[in-house]
PDB file of N, CA and C in Angstrom:
ATOM      1  N   MET A   1      91.670 107.797  53.456  1.00  0.00           N
ATOM      2  CA  MET A   1      91.288 109.098  53.966  1.00  0.00           C
ATOM      3  C   MET A   1      89.892 109.433  53.471  1.00  0.00           C
ATOM      4  N   SER A   2      89.085 109.994  54.326  1.00  0.00           N
ATOM      5  CA  SER A   2      87.740 110.386  53.940  1.00  0.00           C
ATOM      6  C   SER A   2      87.751 111.816  53.430  1.00  0.00           C
ATOM      7  N   GLU A   3      86.594 112.291  53.035  1.00  0.00           N
ATOM      8  CA  GLU A   3      86.491 113.660  52.558  1.00  0.00           C
ATOM      9  C   GLU A   3      86.785 114.658  53.669  1.00  0.00           C
ATOM     10  N   THR A   4      86.544 114.305  54.911  1.00  0.00           N
ATOM     11  CA  THR A   4      86.746 115.231  56.018  1.00  0.00           C
ATOM     12  C   THR A   4      88.052 114.991  56.767  1.00  0.00           C
ATOM     13  N   GLY A   5      88.850 114.045  56.354  1.00  0.00           N
ATOM     14  CA  GLY A   5      90.117 113.778  57.020  1.00  0.00           C
ATOM     15  C   GLY A   5      90.261 112.324  57.404  1.00  0.00           C
ATOM     16  N   TRP A   6      91.350 112.038  58.099  1.00  0.00           N
ATOM     17  CA  TRP A   6      91.630 110.658  58.500  1.00  0.00           C
ATOM     18  C   TRP A   6      90.625 110.192  59.543  1.00  0.00           C
ATOM     19  N   HIS A   7      90.105 109.003  59.333  1.00  0.00           N
ATOM     20  CA  HIS A   7      89.222 108.371  60.313  1.00  0.00           C
ATOM     21  C   HIS A   7      89.957 107.262  61.051  1.00  0.00           C
ATOM     22  N   VAL A   8      90.866 106.590  60.368  1.00  0.00           N
ATOM     23  CA  VAL A   8      91.590 105.476  60.975  1.00  0.00           C
ATOM     24  C   VAL A   8      93.072 105.599  60.662  1.00  0.00           C
ATOM     25  N   TRP A   9      93.870 105.106  61.594  1.00  0.00           N
ATOM     26  CA  TRP A   9      95.314 105.151  61.437  1.00  0.00           C
ATOM     27  C   TRP A   9      95.861 103.952  62.191  1.00  0.00           C
ATOM     28  N   VAL A  10      96.669 103.139  61.534  1.00  0.00           N
ATOM     29  CA  VAL A  10      97.231 101.934  62.148  1.00  0.00           C
ATOM     30  C   VAL A  10      98.733 101.943  61.931  1.00  0.00           C
ATOM     31  N   GLU A  11      99.492 101.748  63.016  1.00  0.00           N
ATOM     32  CA  GLU A  11     100.949 101.714  62.901  1.00  0.00           C
ATOM     33  C   GLU A  11     101.539 100.889  64.037  1.00  0.00           C
ATOM     34  N   LEU A  12     102.790 100.536  63.856  1.00  0.00           N
ATOM     35  CA  LEU A  12     103.532  99.825  64.890  1.00  0.00           C
ATOM     36  C   LEU A  12     104.253 100.854  65.750  1.00  0.00           C
ATOM     37  N   SER A  13     104.091 100.744  67.062  1.00  0.00           N
ATOM     38  CA  SER A  13     104.771 101.624  68.003  1.00  0.00           C
ATOM     39  C   SER A  13     105.470 100.727  69.020  1.00  0.00           C
ATOM     40  N   GLY A  14     106.758 100.510  68.821  1.00  0.00           N
ATOM     41  CA  GLY A  14     107.481  99.566  69.665  1.00  0.00           C
ATOM     42  C   GLY A  14     106.962  98.164  69.440  1.00  0.00           C
ATOM     43  N   ASP A  15     106.513  97.513  70.507  1.00  0.00           N
ATOM     44  CA  ASP A  15     105.971  96.152  70.411  1.00  0.00           C
ATOM     45  C   ASP A  15     104.450  96.120  70.291  1.00  0.00           C
ATOM     46  N   ILE A  16     103.845  97.297  70.147  1.00  0.00           N
ATOM     47  CA  ILE A  16     102.382  97.383  70.131  1.00  0.00           C
ATOM     48  C   ILE A  16     101.897  97.908  68.782  1.00  0.00           C
ATOM     49  N   ILE A  17     100.878  97.248  68.249  1.00  0.00           N
ATOM     50  CA  ILE A  17     100.192  97.753  67.060  1.00  0.00           C
ATOM     51  C   ILE A  17      99.114  98.700  67.565  1.00  0.00           C
ATOM     52  N   VAL A  18      99.164  99.948  67.102  1.00  0.00           N
ATOM     53  CA  VAL A  18      98.221 100.971  67.552  1.00  0.00           C
ATOM     54  C   VAL A  18      97.252 101.292  66.424  1.00  0.00           C
ATOM     55  N   ALA A  19      95.954 101.191  66.724  1.00  0.00           N
ATOM     56  CA  ALA A  19      94.900 101.544  65.766  1.00  0.00           C
ATOM     57  C   ALA A  19      94.097 102.692  66.367  1.00  0.00           C
ATOM     58  N   ARG A  20      94.165 103.851  65.708  1.00  0.00           N
ATOM     59  CA  ARG A  20      93.410 105.016  66.187  1.00  0.00           C
ATOM     60  C   ARG A  20      92.152 105.173  65.352  1.00  0.00           C
ATOM     61  N   LEU A  21      91.035 105.369  66.031  1.00  0.00           N
ATOM     62  CA  LEU A  21      89.732 105.480  65.383  1.00  0.00           C
ATOM     63  C   LEU A  21      89.135 106.832  65.749  1.00  0.00           C
ATOM     64  N   ARG A  22      88.727 107.594  64.725  1.00  0.00           N
ATOM     65  CA  ARG A  22      88.207 108.937  64.988  1.00  0.00           C
ATOM     66  C   ARG A  22      86.912 109.185  64.232  1.00  0.00           C
ATOM     67  N   GLY A  23      86.024 109.915  64.882  1.00  0.00           N
ATOM     68  CA  GLY A  23      84.819 110.380  64.210  1.00  0.00           C
ATOM     69  C   GLY A  23      83.767 109.311  64.016  1.00  0.00           C
ATOM     70  N   ASP A  24      82.933 109.554  63.019  1.00  0.00           N
ATOM     71  CA  ASP A  24      81.821 108.677  62.683  1.00  0.00           C
ATOM     72  C   ASP A  24      82.314 107.641  61.686  1.00  0.00           C
ATOM     73  N   LEU A  25      82.520 106.427  62.130  1.00  0.00           N
ATOM     74  CA  LEU A  25      83.095 105.392  61.281  1.00  0.00           C
ATOM     75  C   LEU A  25      82.028 104.557  60.599  1.00  0.00           C
ATOM     76  N   THR A  26      82.414 104.008  59.470  1.00  0.00           N
ATOM     77  CA  THR A  26      81.545 103.094  58.732  1.00  0.00           C
ATOM     78  C   THR A  26      82.092 101.674  58.877  1.00  0.00           C
ATOM     79  N   GLU A  27      81.315 100.718  58.425  1.00  0.00           N
ATOM     80  CA  GLU A  27      81.781  99.334  58.431  1.00  0.00           C
ATOM     81  C   GLU A  27      83.024  99.190  57.560  1.00  0.00           C
ATOM     82  N   SER A  28      83.107  99.983  56.509  1.00  0.00           N
ATOM     83  CA  SER A  28      84.284  99.984  55.639  1.00  0.00           C
ATOM     84  C   SER A  28      85.530 100.437  56.397  1.00  0.00           C
ATOM     85  N   HIS A  29      85.394 101.457  57.247  1.00  0.00           N
ATOM     86  CA  HIS A  29      86.525 101.913  58.061  1.00  0.00           C
ATOM     87  C   HIS A  29      86.992 100.803  59.001  1.00  0.00           C
ATOM     88  N   ILE A  30      86.026 100.136  59.640  1.00  0.00           N
ATOM     89  CA  ILE A  30      86.357  99.063  60.578  1.00  0.00           C
ATOM     90  C   ILE A  30      87.072  97.922  59.855  1.00  0.00           C
ATOM     91  N   ALA A  31      86.587  97.572  58.676  1.00  0.00           N
ATOM     92  CA  ALA A  31      87.225  96.510  57.886  1.00  0.00           C
ATOM     93  C   ALA A  31      88.632  96.918  57.477  1.00  0.00           C
ATOM     94  N   ASP A  32      88.825  98.205  57.156  1.00  0.00           N
ATOM     95  CA  ASP A  32      90.148  98.714  56.788  1.00  0.00           C
ATOM     96  C   ASP A  32      91.113  98.599  57.965  1.00  0.00           C
ATOM     97  N   VAL A  33      90.656  98.974  59.143  1.00  0.00           N
ATOM     98  CA  VAL A  33      91.487  98.850  60.348  1.00  0.00           C
ATOM     99  C   VAL A  33      91.862  97.391  60.578  1.00  0.00           C
ATOM    100  N   GLN A  34      90.882  96.512  60.496  1.00  0.00           N
ATOM    101  CA  GLN A  34      91.131  95.087  60.717  1.00  0.00           C
ATOM    102  C   GLN A  34      92.169  94.559  59.736  1.00  0.00           C
ATOM    103  N   ALA A  35      92.032  94.919  58.467  1.00  0.00           N
ATOM    104  CA  ALA A  35      92.980  94.451  57.449  1.00  0.00           C
ATOM    105  C   ALA A  35      94.388  94.940  57.757  1.00  0.00           C
ATOM    106  N   LYS A  36      94.521  96.201  58.145  1.00  0.00           N
ATOM    107  CA  LYS A  36      95.844  96.757  58.454  1.00  0.00           C
ATOM    108  C   LYS A  36      96.446  96.111  59.698  1.00  0.00           C
ATOM    109  N   VAL A  37      95.613  95.871  60.708  1.00  0.00           N
ATOM    110  CA  VAL A  37      96.094  95.204  61.922  1.00  0.00           C
ATOM    111  C   VAL A  37      96.573  93.798  61.585  1.00  0.00           C
ATOM    112  N   LEU A  38      95.808  93.068  60.795  1.00  0.00           N
ATOM    113  CA  LEU A  38      96.196  91.702  60.424  1.00  0.00           C
ATOM    114  C   LEU A  38      97.485  91.680  59.617  1.00  0.00           C
ATOM    115  N   VAL A  39      97.685  92.658  58.739  1.00  0.00           N
ATOM    116  CA  VAL A  39      98.936  92.739  57.975  1.00  0.00           C
ATOM    117  C   VAL A  39     100.109  92.937  58.931  1.00  0.00           C
ATOM    118  N   LEU A  40      99.984  93.880  59.859  1.00  0.00           N
ATOM    119  CA  LEU A  40     101.076  94.115  60.811  1.00  0.00           C
ATOM    120  C   LEU A  40     101.305  92.912  61.723  1.00  0.00           C
ATOM    121  N   LEU A  41     100.243  92.235  62.124  1.00  0.00           N
ATOM    122  CA  LEU A  41     100.413  91.016  62.924  1.00  0.00           C
ATOM    123  C   LEU A  41     101.220  89.980  62.151  1.00  0.00           C
ATOM    124  N   GLY A  42     100.932  89.846  60.870  1.00  0.00           N
ATOM    125  CA  GLY A  42     101.642  88.874  60.044  1.00  0.00           C
ATOM    126  C   GLY A  42     103.075  89.267  59.753  1.00  0.00           C
ATOM    127  N   GLU A  43     103.302  90.551  59.495  1.00  0.00           N
ATOM    128  CA  GLU A  43     104.643  91.021  59.142  1.00  0.00           C
ATOM    129  C   GLU A  43     105.574  91.103  60.338  1.00  0.00           C
ATOM    130  N   THR A  44     105.044  91.388  61.514  1.00  0.00           N
ATOM    131  CA  THR A  44     105.896  91.654  62.670  1.00  0.00           C
ATOM    132  C   THR A  44     105.863  90.562  63.730  1.00  0.00           C
ATOM    133  N   GLU A  45     104.888  89.687  63.667  1.00  0.00           N
ATOM    134  CA  GLU A  45     104.684  88.651  64.677  1.00  0.00           C
ATOM    135  C   GLU A  45     104.408  89.231  66.063  1.00  0.00           C
ATOM    136  N   ARG A  46     103.981  90.490  66.135  1.00  0.00           N
ATOM    137  CA  ARG A  46     103.565  91.100  67.398  1.00  0.00           C
ATOM    138  C   ARG A  46     102.211  90.522  67.775  1.00  0.00           C
ATOM    139  N   ARG A  47     101.889  90.524  69.054  1.00  0.00           N
ATOM    140  CA  ARG A  47     100.619  89.978  69.516  1.00  0.00           C
ATOM    141  C   ARG A  47      99.927  90.912  70.508  1.00  0.00           C
ATOM    142  N   ARG A  48     100.203  92.213  70.379  1.00  0.00           N
ATOM    143  CA  ARG A  48      99.575  93.205  71.259  1.00  0.00           C
ATOM    144  C   ARG A  48      99.003  94.327  70.405  1.00  0.00           C
ATOM    145  N   VAL A  49      97.722  94.635  70.627  1.00  0.00           N
ATOM    146  CA  VAL A  49      97.058  95.673  69.840  1.00  0.00           C
ATOM    147  C   VAL A  49      96.341  96.637  70.778  1.00  0.00           C
ATOM    148  N   LEU A  50      96.532  97.933  70.519  1.00  0.00           N
ATOM    149  CA  LEU A  50      95.837  98.988  71.249  1.00  0.00           C
ATOM    150  C   LEU A  50      94.888  99.682  70.289  1.00  0.00           C
ATOM    151  N   TYR A  51      93.598  99.644  70.603  1.00  0.00           N
ATOM    152  CA  TYR A  51      92.595 100.389  69.844  1.00  0.00           C
ATOM    153  C   TYR A  51      92.314 101.677  70.615  1.00  0.00           C
ATOM    154  N   ASP A  52      92.670 102.808  70.028  1.00  0.00           N
ATOM    155  CA  ASP A  52      92.434 104.115  70.633  1.00  0.00           C
ATOM    156  C   ASP A  52      91.130 104.666  70.065  1.00  0.00           C
ATOM    157  N   ALA A  53      90.067 104.578  70.855  1.00  0.00           N
ATOM    158  CA  ALA A  53      88.746 105.043  70.422  1.00  0.00           C
ATOM    159  C   ALA A  53      88.333 106.313  71.159  1.00  0.00           C
ATOM    160  N   LEU A  54      89.304 107.057  71.679  1.00  0.00           N
ATOM    161  CA  LEU A  54      88.991 108.254  72.458  1.00  0.00           C
ATOM    162  C   LEU A  54      88.241 109.306  71.649  1.00  0.00           C
ATOM    163  N   GLU A  55      88.499 109.367  70.346  1.00  0.00           N
ATOM    164  CA  GLU A  55      87.852 110.378  69.506  1.00  0.00           C
ATOM    165  C   GLU A  55      86.837 109.768  68.543  1.00  0.00           C
ATOM    166  N   MET A  56      86.409 108.560  68.834  1.00  0.00           N
ATOM    167  CA  MET A  56      85.450 107.876  67.970  1.00  0.00           C
ATOM    168  C   MET A  56      84.023 108.153  68.442  1.00  0.00           C
ATOM    169  N   ASP A  57      83.132 108.397  67.484  1.00  0.00           N
ATOM    170  CA  ASP A  57      81.711 108.522  67.810  1.00  0.00           C
ATOM    171  C   ASP A  57      81.176 107.135  68.158  1.00  0.00           C
ATOM    172  N   PRO A  58      80.162 107.049  69.015  1.00  0.00           N
ATOM    173  CA  PRO A  58      79.611 105.729  69.353  1.00  0.00           C
ATOM    174  C   PRO A  58      79.140 104.992  68.098  1.00  0.00           C
ATOM    175  N   PRO A  59      79.554 103.749  67.949  1.00  0.00           N
ATOM    176  CA  PRO A  59      79.153 102.988  66.761  1.00  0.00           C
ATOM    177  C   PRO A  59      77.734 102.438  66.907  1.00  0.00           C
ATOM    178  N   SER A  60      77.163 102.087  65.775  1.00  0.00           N
ATOM    179  CA  SER A  60      75.849 101.446  65.780  1.00  0.00           C
ATOM    180  C   SER A  60      75.995 100.004  66.273  1.00  0.00           C
ATOM    181  N   ILE A  61      74.878  99.401  66.622  1.00  0.00           N
ATOM    182  CA  ILE A  61      74.895  97.988  67.016  1.00  0.00           C
ATOM    183  C   ILE A  61      75.386  97.132  65.853  1.00  0.00           C
ATOM    184  N   GLU A  62      74.992  97.478  64.627  1.00  0.00           N
ATOM    185  CA  GLU A  62      75.425  96.722  63.450  1.00  0.00           C
ATOM    186  C   GLU A  62      76.948  96.743  63.313  1.00  0.00           C
ATOM    187  N   MET A  63      77.548  97.916  63.547  1.00  0.00           N
ATOM    188  CA  MET A  63      79.014  98.004  63.469  1.00  0.00           C
ATOM    189  C   MET A  63      79.669  97.227  64.601  1.00  0.00           C
ATOM    190  N   THR A  64      79.049  97.254  65.765  1.00  0.00           N
ATOM    191  CA  THR A  64      79.580  96.505  66.905  1.00  0.00           C
ATOM    192  C   THR A  64      79.588  95.012  66.603  1.00  0.00           C
ATOM    193  N   VAL A  65      78.518  94.520  66.021  1.00  0.00           N
ATOM    194  CA  VAL A  65      78.436  93.102  65.657  1.00  0.00           C
ATOM    195  C   VAL A  65      79.449  92.772  64.563  1.00  0.00           C
ATOM    196  N   ALA A  66      79.621  93.674  63.599  1.00  0.00           N
ATOM    197  CA  ALA A  66      80.618  93.454  62.540  1.00  0.00           C
ATOM    198  C   ALA A  66      82.017  93.366  63.150  1.00  0.00           C
ATOM    199  N   GLN A  67      82.324  94.247  64.109  1.00  0.00           N
ATOM    200  CA  GLN A  67      83.630  94.202  64.773  1.00  0.00           C
ATOM    201  C   GLN A  67      83.774  92.916  65.569  1.00  0.00           C
ATOM    202  N   GLN A  68      82.701  92.463  66.178  1.00  0.00           N
ATOM    203  CA  GLN A  68      82.740  91.218  66.947  1.00  0.00           C
ATOM    204  C   GLN A  68      83.157  90.055  66.052  1.00  0.00           C
ATOM    205  N   GLN A  69      82.603  89.997  64.860  1.00  0.00           N
ATOM    206  CA  GLN A  69      82.956  88.930  63.928  1.00  0.00           C
ATOM    207  C   GLN A  69      84.416  89.041  63.500  1.00  0.00           C
ATOM    208  N   MET A  70      84.886  90.275  63.265  1.00  0.00           N
ATOM    209  CA  MET A  70      86.284  90.464  62.865  1.00  0.00           C
ATOM    210  C   MET A  70      87.236  90.178  64.020  1.00  0.00           C
ATOM    211  N   SER A  71      86.802  90.463  65.238  1.00  0.00           N
ATOM    212  CA  SER A  71      87.651  90.250  66.411  1.00  0.00           C
ATOM    213  C   SER A  71      87.991  88.787  66.621  1.00  0.00           C
ATOM    214  N   GLU A  72      87.134  87.905  66.148  1.00  0.00           N
ATOM    215  CA  GLU A  72      87.403  86.477  66.288  1.00  0.00           C
ATOM    216  C   GLU A  72      88.720  86.096  65.622  1.00  0.00           C
ATOM    217  N   GLN A  73      89.079  86.775  64.542  1.00  0.00           N
ATOM    218  CA  GLN A  73      90.370  86.515  63.883  1.00  0.00           C
ATOM    219  C   GLN A  73      91.522  86.833  64.828  1.00  0.00           C
ATOM    220  N   LEU A  74      91.398  87.919  65.573  1.00  0.00           N
ATOM    221  CA  LEU A  74      92.448  88.298  66.519  1.00  0.00           C
ATOM    222  C   LEU A  74      92.547  87.278  67.643  1.00  0.00           C
ATOM    223  N   HIS A  75      91.410  86.846  68.158  1.00  0.00           N
ATOM    224  CA  HIS A  75      91.406  85.893  69.266  1.00  0.00           C
ATOM    225  C   HIS A  75      92.037  84.567  68.863  1.00  0.00           C
ATOM    226  N   ARG A  76      91.774  84.130  67.641  1.00  0.00           N
ATOM    227  CA  ARG A  76      92.368  82.869  67.161  1.00  0.00           C
ATOM    228  C   ARG A  76      93.889  82.968  67.066  1.00  0.00           C
ATOM    229  N   LYS A  77      94.403  84.177  66.871  1.00  0.00           N
ATOM    230  CA  LYS A  77      95.852  84.378  66.778  1.00  0.00           C
ATOM    231  C   LYS A  77      96.491  84.598  68.153  1.00  0.00           C
ATOM    232  N   GLY A  78      95.697  84.608  69.211  1.00  0.00           N
ATOM    233  CA  GLY A  78      96.235  84.810  70.552  1.00  0.00           C
ATOM    234  C   GLY A  78      96.674  86.235  70.822  1.00  0.00           C
ATOM    235  N   VAL A  79      95.985  87.191  70.234  1.00  0.00           N
ATOM    236  CA  VAL A  79      96.347  88.599  70.365  1.00  0.00           C
ATOM    237  C   VAL A  79      95.766  89.178  71.653  1.00  0.00           C
ATOM    238  N   ARG A  80      96.572  89.977  72.340  1.00  0.00           N
ATOM    239  CA  ARG A  80      96.125  90.705  73.530  1.00  0.00           C
ATOM    240  C   ARG A  80      95.682  92.088  73.064  1.00  0.00           C
ATOM    241  N   VAL A  81      94.461  92.493  73.450  1.00  0.00           N
ATOM    242  CA  VAL A  81      93.868  93.732  72.950  1.00  0.00           C
ATOM    243  C   VAL A  81      93.488  94.652  74.105  1.00  0.00           C
ATOM    244  N   ALA A  82      93.946  95.911  74.027  1.00  0.00           N
ATOM    245  CA  ALA A  82      93.507  96.955  74.951  1.00  0.00           C
ATOM    246  C   ALA A  82      92.682  97.949  74.147  1.00  0.00           C
ATOM    247  N   ILE A  83      91.544  98.354  74.704  1.00  0.00           N
ATOM    248  CA  ILE A  83      90.677  99.313  74.033  1.00  0.00           C
ATOM    249  C   ILE A  83      90.576 100.548  74.922  1.00  0.00           C
ATOM    250  N   LEU A  84      91.001 101.678  74.390  1.00  0.00           N
ATOM    251  CA  LEU A  84      91.002 102.949  75.102  1.00  0.00           C
ATOM    252  C   LEU A  84      89.735 103.706  74.724  1.00  0.00           C
ATOM    253  N   VAL A  85      88.882 104.001  75.711  1.00  0.00           N
ATOM    254  CA  VAL A  85      87.579 104.609  75.439  1.00  0.00           C
ATOM    255  C   VAL A  85      87.367 105.864  76.287  1.00  0.00           C
ATOM    256  N   PRO A  86      86.473 106.770  75.807  1.00  0.00           N
ATOM    257  CA  PRO A  86      86.219 107.999  76.553  1.00  0.00           C
ATOM    258  C   PRO A  86      85.035 107.928  77.518  1.00  0.00           C
ATOM    259  N   ASN A  87      84.155 106.928  77.353  1.00  0.00           N
ATOM    260  CA  ASN A  87      82.933 106.929  78.166  1.00  0.00           C
ATOM    261  C   ASN A  87      82.348 105.519  78.283  1.00  0.00           C
ATOM    262  N   THR A  88      81.348 105.396  79.144  1.00  0.00           N
ATOM    263  CA  THR A  88      80.764 104.083  79.413  1.00  0.00           C
ATOM    264  C   THR A  88      80.000 103.517  78.222  1.00  0.00           C
ATOM    265  N   ARG A  89      79.419 104.365  77.408  1.00  0.00           N
ATOM    266  CA  ARG A  89      78.673 103.864  76.247  1.00  0.00           C
ATOM    267  C   ARG A  89      79.600 103.136  75.279  1.00  0.00           C
ATOM    268  N   ILE A  90      80.715 103.770  74.940  1.00  0.00           N
ATOM    269  CA  ILE A  90      81.659 103.126  74.022  1.00  0.00           C
ATOM    270  C   ILE A  90      82.320 101.930  74.707  1.00  0.00           C
ATOM    271  N   ALA A  91      82.543 102.014  76.006  1.00  0.00           N
ATOM    272  CA  ALA A  91      83.116 100.876  76.738  1.00  0.00           C
ATOM    273  C   ALA A  91      82.198  99.660  76.654  1.00  0.00           C
ATOM    274  N   TYR A  92      80.914  99.875  76.849  1.00  0.00           N
ATOM    275  CA  TYR A  92      79.939  98.783  76.771  1.00  0.00           C
ATOM    276  C   TYR A  92      79.960  98.143  75.384  1.00  0.00           C
ATOM    277  N   LEU A  93      79.941  98.975  74.344  1.00  0.00           N
ATOM    278  CA  LEU A  93      79.965  98.454  72.976  1.00  0.00           C
ATOM    279  C   LEU A  93      81.289  97.751  72.673  1.00  0.00           C
ATOM    280  N   ALA A  94      82.386  98.260  73.228  1.00  0.00           N
ATOM    281  CA  ALA A  94      83.691  97.620  73.026  1.00  0.00           C
ATOM    282  C   ALA A  94      83.715  96.233  73.659  1.00  0.00           C
ATOM    283  N   ARG A  95      83.101  96.101  74.815  1.00  0.00           N
ATOM    284  CA  ARG A  95      83.058  94.785  75.471  1.00  0.00           C
ATOM    285  C   ARG A  95      82.260  93.785  74.646  1.00  0.00           C
ATOM    286  N   ILE A  96      81.217  94.265  73.990  1.00  0.00           N
ATOM    287  CA  ILE A  96      80.456  93.391  73.089  1.00  0.00           C
ATOM    288  C   ILE A  96      81.307  93.036  71.877  1.00  0.00           C
ATOM    289  N   ALA A  97      81.949  94.040  71.295  1.00  0.00           N
ATOM    290  CA  ALA A  97      82.727  93.838  70.068  1.00  0.00           C
ATOM    291  C   ALA A  97      83.932  92.929  70.285  1.00  0.00           C
ATOM    292  N   PHE A  98      84.541  92.982  71.465  1.00  0.00           N
ATOM    293  CA  PHE A  98      85.744  92.196  71.744  1.00  0.00           C
ATOM    294  C   PHE A  98      85.480  91.188  72.855  1.00  0.00           C
ATOM    295  N   GLY A  99      84.259  90.682  72.946  1.00  0.00           N
ATOM    296  CA  GLY A  99      83.806  89.850  74.051  1.00  0.00           C
ATOM    297  C   GLY A  99      84.595  88.597  74.334  1.00  0.00           C
ATOM    298  N   GLN A 100      85.239  88.032  73.370  1.00  0.00           N
ATOM    299  CA  GLN A 100      86.011  86.807  73.564  1.00  0.00           C
ATOM    300  C   GLN A 100      87.497  87.148  73.521  1.00  0.00           C
ATOM    301  N   GLY A 101      88.285  86.333  74.166  1.00  0.00           N
ATOM    302  CA  GLY A 101      89.728  86.504  74.060  1.00  0.00           C
ATOM    303  C   GLY A 101      90.310  87.386  75.146  1.00  0.00           C
ATOM    304  N   ASP A 102      91.574  87.689  74.984  1.00  0.00           N
ATOM    305  CA  ASP A 102      92.364  88.433  75.957  1.00  0.00           C
ATOM    306  C   ASP A 102      92.250  89.922  75.655  1.00  0.00           C
ATOM    307  N   HIS A 103      91.276  90.595  76.261  1.00  0.00           N
ATOM    308  CA  HIS A 103      91.091  92.020  76.031  1.00  0.00           C
ATOM    309  C   HIS A 103      90.733  92.720  77.336  1.00  0.00           C
ATOM    310  N   ARG A 104      90.930  94.035  77.317  1.00  0.00           N
ATOM    311  CA  ARG A 104      90.543  94.849  78.469  1.00  0.00           C
ATOM    312  C   ARG A 104      90.220  96.252  77.983  1.00  0.00           C
ATOM    313  N   VAL A 105      89.224  96.873  78.611  1.00  0.00           N
ATOM    314  CA  VAL A 105      88.803  98.229  78.268  1.00  0.00           C
ATOM    315  C   VAL A 105      89.373  99.194  79.305  1.00  0.00           C
ATOM    316  N   PHE A 106      89.907 100.325  78.823  1.00  0.00           N
ATOM    317  CA  PHE A 106      90.488 101.353  79.689  1.00  0.00           C
ATOM    318  C   PHE A 106      89.801 102.683  79.422  1.00  0.00           C
ATOM    319  N   TYR A 107      89.447 103.378  80.496  1.00  0.00           N
ATOM    320  CA  TYR A 107      88.800 104.682  80.393  1.00  0.00           C
ATOM    321  C   TYR A 107      89.853 105.790  80.429  1.00  0.00           C
ATOM    322  N   ASN A 108      90.120 106.413  79.301  1.00  0.00           N
ATOM    323  CA  ASN A 108      91.002 107.580  79.214  1.00  0.00           C
ATOM    324  C   ASN A 108      92.376 107.377  79.845  1.00  0.00           C
ATOM    325  N   ASP A 109      92.881 106.174  79.921  1.00  0.00           N
ATOM    326  CA  ASP A 109      94.146 105.920  80.612  1.00  0.00           C
ATOM    327  C   ASP A 109      95.111 105.159  79.706  1.00  0.00           C
ATOM    328  N   LEU A 110      95.776 105.900  78.853  1.00  0.00           N
ATOM    329  CA  LEU A 110      96.721 105.310  77.906  1.00  0.00           C
ATOM    330  C   LEU A 110      97.855 104.591  78.629  1.00  0.00           C
ATOM    331  N   ALA A 111      98.381 105.201  79.687  1.00  0.00           N
ATOM    332  CA  ALA A 111      99.503 104.589  80.411  1.00  0.00           C
ATOM    333  C   ALA A 111      99.119 103.220  80.973  1.00  0.00           C
ATOM    334  N   ALA A 112      97.937 103.113  81.557  1.00  0.00           N
ATOM    335  CA  ALA A 112      97.494 101.826  82.106  1.00  0.00           C
ATOM    336  C   ALA A 112      97.291 100.801  80.997  1.00  0.00           C
ATOM    337  N   ALA A 113      96.763 101.238  79.863  1.00  0.00           N
ATOM    338  CA  ALA A 113      96.549 100.321  78.736  1.00  0.00           C
ATOM    339  C   ALA A 113      97.875  99.769  78.232  1.00  0.00           C
ATOM    340  N   VAL A 114      98.864 100.640  78.075  1.00  0.00           N
ATOM    341  CA  VAL A 114     100.180 100.204  77.589  1.00  0.00           C
ATOM    342  C   VAL A 114     100.842  99.292  78.614  1.00  0.00           C
ATOM    343  N   THR A 115     100.742  99.638  79.887  1.00  0.00           N
ATOM    344  CA  THR A 115     101.317  98.794  80.940  1.00  0.00           C
ATOM    345  C   THR A 115     100.703  97.402  80.907  1.00  0.00           C
ATOM    346  N   TRP A 116      99.383  97.329  80.812  1.00  0.00           N
ATOM    347  CA  TRP A 116      98.705  96.031  80.762  1.00  0.00           C
ATOM    348  C   TRP A 116      99.118  95.236  79.530  1.00  0.00           C
ATOM    349  N   LEU A 117      99.207  95.910  78.389  1.00  0.00           N
ATOM    350  CA  LEU A 117      99.594  95.214  77.158  1.00  0.00           C
ATOM    351  C   LEU A 117     101.001  94.641  77.239  1.00  0.00           C
ATOM    352  N   THR A 118     101.890  95.348  77.906  1.00  0.00           N
ATOM    353  CA  THR A 118     103.297  94.935  77.916  1.00  0.00           C
ATOM    354  C   THR A 118     103.660  94.042  79.101  1.00  0.00           C
ATOM    355  N   GLN A 119     102.700  93.778  79.984  1.00  0.00           N
ATOM    356  CA  GLN A 119     102.961  92.855  81.097  1.00  0.00           C
ATOM    357  C   GLN A 119     103.281  91.479  80.554  1.00  0.00           C
ATOM    358  N   ASP A 120     104.137  90.789  81.259  1.00  0.00           N
ATOM    359  CA  ASP A 120     104.425  89.399  80.916  1.00  0.00           C
ATOM    360  C   ASP A 120     103.206  88.571  81.292  1.00  0.00           C
ATOM    361  N   THR A 121     102.654  87.858  80.314  1.00  0.00           N
ATOM    362  CA  THR A 121     101.441  87.073  80.568  1.00  0.00           C
ATOM    363  C   THR A 121     101.735  85.626  80.917  1.00  0.00           C
ATOM    364  N   ALA A 122     103.005  85.241  80.975  1.00  0.00           N
ATOM    365  CA  ALA A 122     103.365  83.859  81.319  1.00  0.00           C
ATOM    366  C   ALA A 122     103.114  83.629  82.808  1.00  0.00           C
ATOM    367  N   HIS A 123     102.627  82.472  83.126  1.00  0.00           N
ATOM    368  CA  HIS A 123     102.360  82.137  84.537  1.00  0.00           C
ATOM    369  C   HIS A 123     103.321  81.075  84.986  1.00  0.00           C
TER     370      HIS A 123
END
């Protein structure tokens, strides 16, 4: 928790790991989220993650690159990632941050993000 309140929150909701990001985040916040997501991935064997960035301030390019490096861990584990964003600026940065692997960006549409995450991906 920061001096002004919670910035990040990670929990399991059904079959989906949900990471909520709020406000002006630091690289430390992003690393904390990543660590918590990885713990839940290991403990639960779930492979679906929803990043809720609806209340997140736009990150710097440096933070975007840091997230990109951390995202590689998720891609190696075969994790499906949905990123919920409020605007095109954060969507663009999210695409850079999660550029590899099975991910999709959703604009203000939680229902569509959850539906996509829970679809059967077997062909």
